[in-house]
Amino acid sequence: MIKNLPEKLRTLRQNYGYSQKQVALRLGISPSIVSGYETGERTPSAENLLSLSYLYKCSTDYLLGKEPNVAHIEIDTAGLSENQINAILHIVDAIKNP
């Protein structure tokens, strides 16, 4: 078993407002398997671990206990000018490095 993985998966699922059934449907597995992941009775395959990281927008390193949870956010910049995109990047940088 991967240390703290069951708790992380349960917390992430609850934070996203998903039921175990919804997670199962997105991963193409049964709800009992999702339950097993959250109780520690089962360990996700590498493929399912990757799918869970995409679903919860976190790294596999976080799920495996290697790094703290860091939000990874994608911003749709379609239709923005290069100057507008650079302004967004500047704001993010200013927030990260006050």
Protein backbone atom coordinates (compact mmCIF):
# COMPACT_ATOMS: atom_id res chain seq x y z
CA MET A 1 0.00 0.00 0.00
CA ILE A 2 1.15 3.53 -0.79
CA LYS A 3 1.35 5.66 2.37
CA ASN A 4 -1.62 8.05 2.76
CA LEU A 5 -2.95 7.26 -0.73
CA PRO A 6 -6.39 6.14 0.48
CA GLU A 7 -6.86 9.36 2.47
CA LYS A 8 -5.62 11.52 -0.40
CA LEU A 9 -7.97 9.87 -2.89
CA ARG A 10 -10.96 10.18 -0.56
CA THR A 11 -10.18 13.83 0.22
CA LEU A 12 -9.64 14.75 -3.43
CA ARG A 13 -12.88 13.03 -4.46
CA GLN A 14 -14.82 14.84 -1.75
CA ASN A 15 -13.19 18.18 -2.60
CA TYR A 16 -14.31 17.77 -6.21
CA GLY A 17 -17.80 16.76 -5.11
CA TYR A 18 -17.66 13.40 -6.88
CA SER A 19 -19.31 10.22 -5.70
CA GLN A 20 -17.39 6.96 -5.90
CA LYS A 21 -19.75 5.98 -8.72
CA GLN A 22 -18.86 9.13 -10.70
CA VAL A 23 -15.14 8.47 -10.30
CA ALA A 24 -15.66 4.85 -11.36
CA LEU A 25 -17.52 5.93 -14.50
CA ARG A 26 -14.77 8.37 -15.46
CA LEU A 27 -12.08 5.72 -14.97
CA GLY A 28 -14.07 2.87 -16.52
CA ILE A 29 -13.92 0.73 -13.37
CA SER A 30 -16.48 -0.41 -10.80
CA PRO A 31 -17.40 1.68 -7.75
CA SER A 32 -16.20 -1.17 -5.52
CA ILE A 33 -12.69 -0.73 -6.93
CA VAL A 34 -12.79 3.00 -6.13
CA SER A 35 -13.96 2.10 -2.63
CA GLY A 36 -11.06 -0.34 -2.34
CA TYR A 37 -8.61 2.40 -3.30
CA GLU A 38 -10.04 4.66 -0.59
CA THR A 39 -9.97 1.99 2.12
CA GLY A 40 -6.49 0.77 1.23
CA GLU A 41 -7.71 -2.69 0.28
CA ARG A 42 -6.60 -2.12 -3.32
CA THR A 43 -3.76 -0.22 -4.98
CA PRO A 44 -4.42 1.49 -8.31
CA SER A 45 -2.56 0.25 -11.37
CA ALA A 46 -0.13 2.68 -12.95
CA GLU A 47 -2.75 3.41 -15.62
CA ASN A 48 -5.47 4.15 -13.06
CA LEU A 49 -3.09 6.20 -10.92
CA LEU A 50 -2.36 8.37 -13.95
CA SER A 51 -6.09 8.66 -14.71
CA LEU A 52 -6.74 9.71 -11.11
CA SER A 53 -4.04 12.37 -11.35
CA TYR A 54 -5.72 13.78 -14.48
CA LEU A 55 -9.16 13.64 -12.88
CA TYR A 56 -8.01 15.43 -9.73
CA LYS A 57 -5.56 17.75 -11.51
CA CYS A 58 -2.61 16.71 -9.35
CA SER A 59 0.67 14.98 -10.03
CA THR A 60 1.28 11.28 -9.64
CA ASP A 61 4.20 12.33 -7.42
CA TYR A 62 1.68 13.88 -5.04
CA LEU A 63 -0.46 10.73 -5.01
CA LEU A 64 2.63 8.60 -4.40
CA GLY A 65 3.74 10.84 -1.52
CA LYS A 66 6.77 12.35 -3.22
CA GLU A 67 5.67 16.00 -3.26
CA PRO A 68 3.05 18.21 -1.64
CA ASN A 69 -0.13 18.88 -3.55
CA VAL A 70 0.41 21.75 -5.94
CA ALA A 71 -2.46 23.08 -7.97
CA HIS A 72 -1.93 22.71 -11.69
CA ILE A 73 -4.32 24.97 -13.52
CA GLU A 74 -4.75 25.21 -17.25
CA ILE A 75 -5.93 28.50 -18.68
CA ASP A 76 -7.59 28.66 -22.06
CA THR A 77 -5.76 31.51 -23.79
CA ALA A 78 -7.51 31.09 -27.13
CA GLY A 79 -8.39 34.50 -28.51
CA LEU A 80 -5.96 36.37 -26.27
CA SER A 81 -3.15 38.43 -27.69
CA GLU A 82 0.47 37.73 -26.83
CA ASN A 83 0.46 40.87 -24.65
CA GLN A 84 -2.59 39.65 -22.74
CA ILE A 85 -1.02 36.23 -22.17
CA ASN A 86 2.20 37.87 -20.99
CA ALA A 87 0.18 40.07 -18.60
CA ILE A 88 -1.43 36.96 -17.07
CA LEU A 89 1.97 35.30 -16.70
CA HIS A 90 3.31 38.48 -15.07
CA ILE A 91 0.44 38.52 -12.56
CA VAL A 92 0.98 34.85 -11.69
CA ASP A 93 4.70 35.45 -11.24
CA ALA A 94 4.04 38.47 -9.02
CA ILE A 95 1.70 36.41 -6.82
CA LYS A 96 4.20 33.55 -6.56
CA ASN A 97 7.16 35.85 -5.83
CA PRO A 98 5.85 38.87 -3.86
